[in-house]
Amino acid sequence: MKSASRQSLIYDYIKKHGEVSINHIAHYFNISPVTVRRYVDKLEQNGLVSRKYGKALIADNSKAELSFYYRSMNSTEYKQAIARLALPHLLKSSSAFLDASTTVLELLKLLPQTHSLTVYTASTAILSYLKDYQNVTLFIMGGYLSHTDGVTLDSEATINTARQIFVDAAFISCGGFSEGGFFDNATTGIDVKRTILQNSAHNYLLADHTKFNSNGIFLVETWAPIQTLICDASFDKKTERLLETKEVHIEYPKYRIYNT
């Protein structure tokens, strides 16, 4: 099991129980207490859990797991720049997976209502926005509604459905990215994204320049399944060259450059 995947599972386990001993976690996951402490330390550094008397306690994670509607009010200019670049790619696709990100919602705001498209999503926000688009065939991937962001359907049933879906393109966002891959700040929807990335002919990662080298908590994936990164501005020439050697095409408006 990947280290990042195990960290996600441990976090979910602590979140489910509220408070659990380090030894109990070690026994449940069949790993050493020393290994558990390493994972818990990382989660504590990011403000998701706290430690007390040999136990891990779920912390106030409101900073890490912001609601969809709160995020929709932030960095709107950056998201709109990304959406303008992503639109031609969406228009040339006959089927697409759209994740529950606010950047993808900005992309849909540019979609002509006359355009024919089959959309697969696990987002009630996408459902609400596209429900009146007569030329869009909308498939909602079932599951339990997450209380983390308030819009994502996420359960084992959602993941099982994702395994049966094959699309021309997947448009996803992230909480941060670096040379090693891209991250989210919550576990919600991660496994669905990982599954869809394997079942999509072309994967587009939509991420604004402020997310470069940000302190993402949970690794979604390495760059292996991503063909195109769409950003609102240039972020780091060294990393751009590295990603290009990994056959990741990078798109951003040439006139927008920020110091990062």
C-alpha atoms as a PDB file:
ATOM      1  CA  MET A   1       0.000   0.000   0.000  1.00  0.00           C
ATOM      2  CA  LYS A   2       1.249   3.471  -0.844  1.00  0.00           C
ATOM      3  CA  SER A   3       2.332   5.560   2.141  1.00  0.00           C
ATOM      4  CA  ALA A   4      -0.052   8.381   1.160  1.00  0.00           C
ATOM      5  CA  SER A   5      -2.972   5.952   0.874  1.00  0.00           C
ATOM      6  CA  ARG A   6      -2.274   4.515   4.327  1.00  0.00           C
ATOM      7  CA  GLN A   7      -2.083   8.012   5.802  1.00  0.00           C
ATOM      8  CA  SER A   8      -5.501   8.767   4.299  1.00  0.00           C
ATOM      9  CA  LEU A   9      -6.944   5.571   5.782  1.00  0.00           C
ATOM     10  CA  ILE A  10      -5.492   6.312   9.211  1.00  0.00           C
ATOM     11  CA  TYR A  11      -6.914   9.831   9.134  1.00  0.00           C
ATOM     12  CA  ASP A  12     -10.345   8.499   8.127  1.00  0.00           C
ATOM     13  CA  TYR A  13     -10.175   5.948  10.951  1.00  0.00           C
ATOM     14  CA  ILE A  14      -9.345   8.598  13.546  1.00  0.00           C
ATOM     15  CA  LYS A  15     -12.035  10.879  12.160  1.00  0.00           C
ATOM     16  CA  LYS A  16     -14.602   8.082  12.375  1.00  0.00           C
ATOM     17  CA  HIS A  17     -13.820   7.292  16.024  1.00  0.00           C
ATOM     18  CA  GLY A  18     -12.923  10.784  17.230  1.00  0.00           C
ATOM     19  CA  GLU A  19     -10.293   9.414  19.594  1.00  0.00           C
ATOM     20  CA  VAL A  20      -8.242   6.225  19.276  1.00  0.00           C
ATOM     21  CA  SER A  21      -5.001   4.920  20.802  1.00  0.00           C
ATOM     22  CA  ILE A  22      -1.798   4.649  18.782  1.00  0.00           C
ATOM     23  CA  ASN A  23      -1.543   0.955  19.708  1.00  0.00           C
ATOM     24  CA  HIS A  24      -5.089   0.291  18.533  1.00  0.00           C
ATOM     25  CA  ILE A  25      -4.356   1.934  15.169  1.00  0.00           C
ATOM     26  CA  ALA A  26      -1.177  -0.121  14.843  1.00  0.00           C
ATOM     27  CA  HIS A  27      -3.068  -3.344  15.546  1.00  0.00           C
ATOM     28  CA  TYR A  28      -5.924  -2.450  13.177  1.00  0.00           C
ATOM     29  CA  PHE A  29      -3.622  -1.652  10.239  1.00  0.00           C
ATOM     30  CA  ASN A  30      -1.049  -4.323  11.138  1.00  0.00           C
ATOM     31  CA  ILE A  31       1.825  -1.854  11.313  1.00  0.00           C
ATOM     32  CA  SER A  32       4.186  -0.830  14.105  1.00  0.00           C
ATOM     33  CA  PRO A  33       3.325   1.901  16.656  1.00  0.00           C
ATOM     34  CA  VAL A  34       6.448   3.761  15.485  1.00  0.00           C
ATOM     35  CA  THR A  35       5.041   3.868  11.941  1.00  0.00           C
ATOM     36  CA  VAL A  36       1.667   5.044  13.241  1.00  0.00           C
ATOM     37  CA  ARG A  37       3.318   7.863  15.199  1.00  0.00           C
ATOM     38  CA  ARG A  38       5.078   9.005  12.019  1.00  0.00           C
ATOM     39  CA  TYR A  39       1.762   9.245  10.171  1.00  0.00           C
ATOM     40  CA  VAL A  40       0.031  10.905  13.117  1.00  0.00           C
ATOM     41  CA  ASP A  41       2.867  13.433  13.437  1.00  0.00           C
ATOM     42  CA  LYS A  42       2.299  14.448   9.814  1.00  0.00           C
ATOM     43  CA  LEU A  43      -1.436  14.780  10.387  1.00  0.00           C
ATOM     44  CA  GLU A  44      -0.788  16.805  13.546  1.00  0.00           C
ATOM     45  CA  GLN A  45       1.582  19.144  11.688  1.00  0.00           C
ATOM     46  CA  ASN A  46      -1.252  19.923   9.297  1.00  0.00           C
ATOM     47  CA  GLY A  47      -3.731  20.564  12.099  1.00  0.00           C
ATOM     48  CA  LEU A  48      -5.945  17.554  11.419  1.00  0.00           C
ATOM     49  CA  VAL A  49      -5.317  15.595  14.610  1.00  0.00           C
ATOM     50  CA  SER A  50      -3.757  16.101  18.008  1.00  0.00           C
ATOM     51  CA  ARG A  51      -1.972  13.668  20.329  1.00  0.00           C
ATOM     52  CA  LYS A  52      -2.632  13.152  24.017  1.00  0.00           C
ATOM     53  CA  TYR A  53      -1.505  10.364  26.365  1.00  0.00           C
ATOM     54  CA  GLY A  54      -0.767   7.882  23.586  1.00  0.00           C
ATOM     55  CA  LYS A  55      -3.935   8.654  21.685  1.00  0.00           C
ATOM     56  CA  ALA A  56      -4.766  10.443  18.456  1.00  0.00           C
ATOM     57  CA  LEU A  57      -7.726  12.819  18.593  1.00  0.00           C
ATOM     58  CA  ILE A  58      -9.499  14.406  15.679  1.00  0.00           C
ATOM     59  CA  ALA A  59      -8.824  18.144  15.646  1.00  0.00           C
ATOM     60  CA  ASP A  60     -10.814  21.072  14.350  1.00  0.00           C
ATOM     61  CA  ASN A  61     -10.148  20.546  10.644  1.00  0.00           C
ATOM     62  CA  SER A  62     -12.195  23.454   9.381  1.00  0.00           C
ATOM     63  CA  LYS A  63      -9.074  25.095   7.979  1.00  0.00           C
ATOM     64  CA  ALA A  64      -8.057  22.019   6.011  1.00  0.00           C
ATOM     65  CA  GLU A  65     -11.457  20.903   4.748  1.00  0.00           C
ATOM     66  CA  LEU A  66     -13.247  24.004   3.585  1.00  0.00           C
ATOM     67  CA  SER A  67     -16.753  23.808   2.234  1.00  0.00           C
ATOM     68  CA  PHE A  68     -17.402  24.035  -1.486  1.00  0.00           C
ATOM     69  CA  TYR A  69     -19.304  27.298  -1.173  1.00  0.00           C
ATOM     70  CA  TYR A  70     -16.549  28.936   0.868  1.00  0.00           C
ATOM     71  CA  ARG A  71     -13.929  27.894  -1.697  1.00  0.00           C
ATOM     72  CA  SER A  72     -16.089  29.171  -4.552  1.00  0.00           C
ATOM     73  CA  MET A  73     -15.539  32.723  -3.291  1.00  0.00           C
ATOM     74  CA  ASN A  74     -11.738  32.497  -3.323  1.00  0.00           C
ATOM     75  CA  SER A  75      -9.242  33.001  -6.201  1.00  0.00           C
ATOM     76  CA  THR A  76     -12.065  33.488  -8.681  1.00  0.00           C
ATOM     77  CA  GLU A  77      -9.868  35.380 -11.159  1.00  0.00           C
ATOM     78  CA  TYR A  78      -7.368  32.513 -11.293  1.00  0.00           C
ATOM     79  CA  LYS A  79     -10.099  29.916 -11.767  1.00  0.00           C
ATOM     80  CA  GLN A  80     -11.689  31.902 -14.580  1.00  0.00           C
ATOM     81  CA  ALA A  81      -8.343  32.129 -16.414  1.00  0.00           C
ATOM     82  CA  ILE A  82      -7.968  28.356 -16.135  1.00  0.00           C
ATOM     83  CA  ALA A  83     -11.544  27.808 -17.269  1.00  0.00           C
ATOM     84  CA  ARG A  84     -10.995  29.805 -20.465  1.00  0.00           C
ATOM     85  CA  LEU A  85      -8.035  27.601 -21.370  1.00  0.00           C
ATOM     86  CA  ALA A  86      -9.828  24.368 -20.455  1.00  0.00           C
ATOM     87  CA  LEU A  87     -13.027  25.118 -22.381  1.00  0.00           C
ATOM     88  CA  PRO A  88     -11.770  24.103 -25.878  1.00  0.00           C
ATOM     89  CA  HIS A  89     -10.682  20.754 -24.447  1.00  0.00           C
ATOM     90  CA  LEU A  90     -14.086  20.183 -22.897  1.00  0.00           C
ATOM     91  CA  LEU A  91     -15.857  21.135 -26.131  1.00  0.00           C
ATOM     92  CA  LYS A  92     -13.937  18.568 -28.159  1.00  0.00           C
ATOM     93  CA  SER A  93     -14.869  15.767 -25.727  1.00  0.00           C
ATOM     94  CA  SER A  94     -18.048  13.761 -26.139  1.00  0.00           C
ATOM     95  CA  SER A  95     -17.901  12.421 -22.565  1.00  0.00           C
ATOM     96  CA  ALA A  96     -16.181  13.821 -19.497  1.00  0.00           C
ATOM     97  CA  PHE A  97     -15.771  13.272 -15.781  1.00  0.00           C
ATOM     98  CA  LEU A  98     -16.003  16.483 -13.768  1.00  0.00           C
ATOM     99  CA  ASP A  99     -14.925  16.537 -10.142  1.00  0.00           C
ATOM    100  CA  ALA A 100     -16.531  18.518  -7.324  1.00  0.00           C
ATOM    101  CA  SER A 101     -14.153  21.476  -7.552  1.00  0.00           C
ATOM    102  CA  THR A 102     -14.972  25.147  -7.788  1.00  0.00           C
ATOM    103  CA  THR A 103     -12.543  25.485 -10.710  1.00  0.00           C
ATOM    104  CA  VAL A 104     -14.572  22.962 -12.717  1.00  0.00           C
ATOM    105  CA  LEU A 105     -17.717  24.919 -11.881  1.00  0.00           C
ATOM    106  CA  GLU A 106     -16.123  28.021 -13.402  1.00  0.00           C
ATOM    107  CA  LEU A 107     -15.421  25.926 -16.505  1.00  0.00           C
ATOM    108  CA  LEU A 108     -19.094  24.941 -16.752  1.00  0.00           C
ATOM    109  CA  LYS A 109     -20.135  28.580 -16.604  1.00  0.00           C
ATOM    110  CA  LEU A 110     -18.508  28.934 -20.038  1.00  0.00           C
ATOM    111  CA  LEU A 111     -20.185  25.847 -21.528  1.00  0.00           C
ATOM    112  CA  PRO A 112     -22.769  26.781 -24.192  1.00  0.00           C
ATOM    113  CA  GLN A 113     -26.190  25.337 -23.388  1.00  0.00           C
ATOM    114  CA  THR A 114     -26.458  24.148 -26.978  1.00  0.00           C
ATOM    115  CA  HIS A 115     -23.380  21.915 -26.705  1.00  0.00           C
ATOM    116  CA  SER A 116     -23.981  18.150 -26.575  1.00  0.00           C
ATOM    117  CA  LEU A 117     -21.999  16.372 -23.876  1.00  0.00           C
ATOM    118  CA  THR A 118     -22.238  13.386 -21.546  1.00  0.00           C
ATOM    119  CA  VAL A 119     -21.081  14.296 -18.047  1.00  0.00           C
ATOM    120  CA  TYR A 120     -20.226  11.918 -15.212  1.00  0.00           C
ATOM    121  CA  THR A 121     -19.866  13.438 -11.771  1.00  0.00           C
ATOM    122  CA  ALA A 122     -20.175  12.770  -8.044  1.00  0.00           C
ATOM    123  CA  SER A 123     -20.951  16.414  -7.283  1.00  0.00           C
ATOM    124  CA  THR A 124     -24.366  17.763  -6.325  1.00  0.00           C
ATOM    125  CA  ALA A 125     -23.092  21.240  -7.268  1.00  0.00           C
ATOM    126  CA  ILE A 126     -22.475  20.051 -10.848  1.00  0.00           C
ATOM    127  CA  LEU A 127     -25.918  18.416 -10.835  1.00  0.00           C
ATOM    128  CA  SER A 128     -27.552  21.638  -9.705  1.00  0.00           C
ATOM    129  CA  TYR A 129     -25.763  23.683 -12.354  1.00  0.00           C
ATOM    130  CA  LEU A 130     -26.321  21.360 -15.327  1.00  0.00           C
ATOM    131  CA  LYS A 131     -29.823  20.062 -14.574  1.00  0.00           C
ATOM    132  CA  ASP A 132     -31.463  22.459 -17.054  1.00  0.00           C
ATOM    133  CA  TYR A 133     -28.956  21.886 -19.875  1.00  0.00           C
ATOM    134  CA  GLN A 134     -31.131  20.012 -22.362  1.00  0.00           C
ATOM    135  CA  ASN A 135     -28.183  18.819 -24.478  1.00  0.00           C
ATOM    136  CA  VAL A 136     -26.166  17.487 -21.557  1.00  0.00           C
ATOM    137  CA  THR A 137     -26.665  13.853 -20.586  1.00  0.00           C
ATOM    138  CA  LEU A 138     -25.891  13.863 -16.877  1.00  0.00           C
ATOM    139  CA  PHE A 139     -24.891  10.733 -14.954  1.00  0.00           C
ATOM    140  CA  ILE A 140     -24.707  11.129 -11.181  1.00  0.00           C
ATOM    141  CA  MET A 141     -22.450   8.652  -9.414  1.00  0.00           C
ATOM    142  CA  GLY A 142     -24.302   7.570  -6.292  1.00  0.00           C
ATOM    143  CA  GLY A 143     -23.076   7.481  -2.742  1.00  0.00           C
ATOM    144  CA  TYR A 144     -23.357   9.212   0.602  1.00  0.00           C
ATOM    145  CA  LEU A 145     -23.174  12.990   0.692  1.00  0.00           C
ATOM    146  CA  SER A 146     -19.967  14.108   2.352  1.00  0.00           C
ATOM    147  CA  HIS A 147     -20.290  16.536   5.243  1.00  0.00           C
ATOM    148  CA  THR A 148     -16.739  17.691   4.534  1.00  0.00           C
ATOM    149  CA  ASP A 149     -17.528  19.911   1.552  1.00  0.00           C
ATOM    150  CA  GLY A 150     -21.296  19.507   1.391  1.00  0.00           C
ATOM    151  CA  VAL A 151     -21.459  18.625  -2.305  1.00  0.00           C
ATOM    152  CA  THR A 152     -19.456  15.435  -2.938  1.00  0.00           C
ATOM    153  CA  LEU A 153     -20.983  11.968  -3.082  1.00  0.00           C
ATOM    154  CA  ASP A 154     -18.360   9.615  -1.711  1.00  0.00           C
ATOM    155  CA  SER A 155     -18.626   5.987  -0.602  1.00  0.00           C
ATOM    156  CA  GLU A 156     -17.621   2.492  -1.656  1.00  0.00           C
ATOM    157  CA  ALA A 157     -20.628   2.530  -3.986  1.00  0.00           C
ATOM    158  CA  THR A 158     -19.281   5.670  -5.685  1.00  0.00           C
ATOM    159  CA  ILE A 159     -15.890   4.042  -6.185  1.00  0.00           C
ATOM    160  CA  ASN A 160     -17.485   0.870  -7.588  1.00  0.00           C
ATOM    161  CA  THR A 161     -19.453   2.982 -10.042  1.00  0.00           C
ATOM    162  CA  ALA A 162     -16.292   4.829 -11.079  1.00  0.00           C
ATOM    163  CA  ARG A 163     -14.671   1.518 -11.995  1.00  0.00           C
ATOM    164  CA  GLN A 164     -17.364   1.029 -14.662  1.00  0.00           C
ATOM    165  CA  ILE A 165     -17.003   4.483 -16.235  1.00  0.00           C
ATOM    166  CA  PHE A 166     -14.770   5.223 -19.221  1.00  0.00           C
ATOM    167  CA  VAL A 167     -14.634   8.777 -20.606  1.00  0.00           C
ATOM    168  CA  ASP A 168     -12.873  10.847 -23.243  1.00  0.00           C
ATOM    169  CA  ALA A 169     -11.577  13.290 -20.659  1.00  0.00           C
ATOM    170  CA  ALA A 170     -11.395  13.927 -16.928  1.00  0.00           C
ATOM    171  CA  PHE A 171     -11.195  17.450 -15.500  1.00  0.00           C
ATOM    172  CA  ILE A 172     -10.049  17.553 -11.894  1.00  0.00           C
ATOM    173  CA  SER A 173      -8.546  20.083  -9.532  1.00  0.00           C
ATOM    174  CA  CYS A 174      -6.364  19.730  -6.446  1.00  0.00           C
ATOM    175  CA  GLY A 175      -5.293  21.368  -3.215  1.00  0.00           C
ATOM    176  CA  GLY A 176      -1.656  21.608  -4.232  1.00  0.00           C
ATOM    177  CA  PHE A 177       0.981  20.269  -6.610  1.00  0.00           C
ATOM    178  CA  SER A 178       4.737  19.806  -6.741  1.00  0.00           C
ATOM    179  CA  GLU A 179       7.356  17.851  -8.647  1.00  0.00           C
ATOM    180  CA  GLY A 180       6.187  14.633  -7.052  1.00  0.00           C
ATOM    181  CA  GLY A 181       2.489  14.856  -7.828  1.00  0.00           C
ATOM    182  CA  PHE A 182      -0.687  16.582  -6.728  1.00  0.00           C
ATOM    183  CA  PHE A 183      -2.485  16.657  -3.397  1.00  0.00           C
ATOM    184  CA  ASP A 184      -5.774  17.356  -1.700  1.00  0.00           C
ATOM    185  CA  ASN A 185      -6.376  18.670   1.794  1.00  0.00           C
ATOM    186  CA  ALA A 186      -9.134  16.150   2.515  1.00  0.00           C
ATOM    187  CA  THR A 187      -9.721  12.514   1.693  1.00  0.00           C
ATOM    188  CA  THR A 188     -13.170  13.153   0.240  1.00  0.00           C
ATOM    189  CA  GLY A 189     -13.391  11.917  -3.344  1.00  0.00           C
ATOM    190  CA  ILE A 190      -9.721  10.937  -3.654  1.00  0.00           C
ATOM    191  CA  ASP A 191     -10.322   7.266  -4.444  1.00  0.00           C
ATOM    192  CA  VAL A 192     -12.928   8.172  -7.066  1.00  0.00           C
ATOM    193  CA  LYS A 193     -10.422  10.512  -8.729  1.00  0.00           C
ATOM    194  CA  ARG A 194      -7.724   7.836  -8.702  1.00  0.00           C
ATOM    195  CA  THR A 195     -10.086   5.369 -10.349  1.00  0.00           C
ATOM    196  CA  ILE A 196     -11.343   7.765 -13.016  1.00  0.00           C
ATOM    197  CA  LEU A 197      -7.795   8.815 -13.898  1.00  0.00           C
ATOM    198  CA  GLN A 198      -7.157   5.224 -14.952  1.00  0.00           C
ATOM    199  CA  ASN A 199     -10.357   5.091 -17.051  1.00  0.00           C
ATOM    200  CA  SER A 200     -10.043   8.375 -18.937  1.00  0.00           C
ATOM    201  CA  ALA A 201      -8.436   8.795 -22.352  1.00  0.00           C
ATOM    202  CA  HIS A 202      -7.056  12.238 -21.421  1.00  0.00           C
ATOM    203  CA  ASN A 203      -6.646  13.721 -17.955  1.00  0.00           C
ATOM    204  CA  TYR A 204      -6.579  17.464 -17.308  1.00  0.00           C
ATOM    205  CA  LEU A 205      -5.402  18.830 -13.966  1.00  0.00           C
ATOM    206  CA  LEU A 206      -6.681  22.352 -13.290  1.00  0.00           C
ATOM    207  CA  ALA A 207      -4.582  24.163 -10.690  1.00  0.00           C
ATOM    208  CA  ASP A 208      -3.749  27.810 -10.157  1.00  0.00           C
ATOM    209  CA  HIS A 209      -0.202  29.011  -9.543  1.00  0.00           C
ATOM    210  CA  THR A 210      -0.745  29.561  -5.784  1.00  0.00           C
ATOM    211  CA  LYS A 211      -1.052  25.790  -5.343  1.00  0.00           C
ATOM    212  CA  PHE A 212       2.486  25.162  -6.546  1.00  0.00           C
ATOM    213  CA  ASN A 213       4.582  23.717  -3.707  1.00  0.00           C
ATOM    214  CA  SER A 214       1.725  24.255  -1.273  1.00  0.00           C
ATOM    215  CA  ASN A 215       1.563  21.954   1.719  1.00  0.00           C
ATOM    216  CA  GLY A 216      -0.856  19.348   0.422  1.00  0.00           C
ATOM    217  CA  ILE A 217      -1.702  16.643   2.926  1.00  0.00           C
ATOM    218  CA  PHE A 218      -2.967  13.640   0.982  1.00  0.00           C
ATOM    219  CA  LEU A 219      -1.315  12.555  -2.254  1.00  0.00           C
ATOM    220  CA  VAL A 220      -3.935  12.014  -4.949  1.00  0.00           C
ATOM    221  CA  GLU A 221      -1.525  10.749  -7.592  1.00  0.00           C
ATOM    222  CA  THR A 222       1.871  11.177  -9.158  1.00  0.00           C
ATOM    223  CA  TRP A 223       2.042  12.833 -12.587  1.00  0.00           C
ATOM    224  CA  ALA A 224       1.899   9.481 -14.389  1.00  0.00           C
ATOM    225  CA  PRO A 225      -1.812   9.607 -15.375  1.00  0.00           C
ATOM    226  CA  ILE A 226      -1.876  13.347 -16.187  1.00  0.00           C
ATOM    227  CA  GLN A 227      -1.462  14.461 -19.796  1.00  0.00           C
ATOM    228  CA  THR A 228      -2.206  18.176 -19.393  1.00  0.00           C
ATOM    229  CA  LEU A 229      -1.751  20.657 -16.544  1.00  0.00           C
ATOM    230  CA  ILE A 230      -3.725  23.864 -17.016  1.00  0.00           C
ATOM    231  CA  CYS A 231      -2.600  26.760 -14.834  1.00  0.00           C
ATOM    232  CA  ASP A 232      -3.450  30.460 -14.726  1.00  0.00           C
ATOM    233  CA  ALA A 233       0.209  31.543 -14.868  1.00  0.00           C
ATOM    234  CA  SER A 234       3.775  30.322 -15.114  1.00  0.00           C
ATOM    235  CA  PHE A 235       4.923  28.928 -11.785  1.00  0.00           C
ATOM    236  CA  ASP A 236       8.473  27.476 -11.901  1.00  0.00           C
ATOM    237  CA  LYS A 237      10.586  26.906 -15.004  1.00  0.00           C
ATOM    238  CA  LYS A 238      12.612  24.061 -13.509  1.00  0.00           C
ATOM    239  CA  THR A 239       9.489  22.148 -12.528  1.00  0.00           C
ATOM    240  CA  GLU A 240       7.867  22.913 -15.876  1.00  0.00           C
ATOM    241  CA  ARG A 241      10.826  21.356 -17.680  1.00  0.00           C
ATOM    242  CA  LEU A 242      10.712  18.342 -15.377  1.00  0.00           C
ATOM    243  CA  LEU A 243       7.013  17.791 -16.038  1.00  0.00           C
ATOM    244  CA  GLU A 244       7.579  18.093 -19.764  1.00  0.00           C
ATOM    245  CA  THR A 245      10.118  15.243 -19.547  1.00  0.00           C
ATOM    246  CA  LYS A 246       7.282  13.233 -17.994  1.00  0.00           C
ATOM    247  CA  GLU A 247       5.161  14.072 -21.060  1.00  0.00           C
ATOM    248  CA  VAL A 248       2.898  16.451 -19.144  1.00  0.00           C
ATOM    249  CA  HIS A 249       1.838  19.307 -21.411  1.00  0.00           C
ATOM    250  CA  ILE A 250       1.495  22.615 -19.548  1.00  0.00           C
ATOM    251  CA  GLU A 251      -0.878  25.368 -20.620  1.00  0.00           C
ATOM    252  CA  TYR A 252      -1.158  28.859 -19.167  1.00  0.00           C
ATOM    253  CA  PRO A 253      -1.786  32.371 -20.527  1.00  0.00           C
ATOM    254  CA  LYS A 254       1.603  33.617 -21.686  1.00  0.00           C
ATOM    255  CA  TYR A 255       0.892  37.145 -20.529  1.00  0.00           C
ATOM    256  CA  ARG A 256       0.218  36.220 -16.886  1.00  0.00           C
ATOM    257  CA  ILE A 257       3.347  35.772 -14.784  1.00  0.00           C
ATOM    258  CA  TYR A 258       3.406  35.917 -10.996  1.00  0.00           C
ATOM    259  CA  ASN A 259       6.360  35.828  -8.661  1.00  0.00           C
ATOM    260  CA  THR A 260       6.095  32.668  -6.584  1.00  0.00           C
END
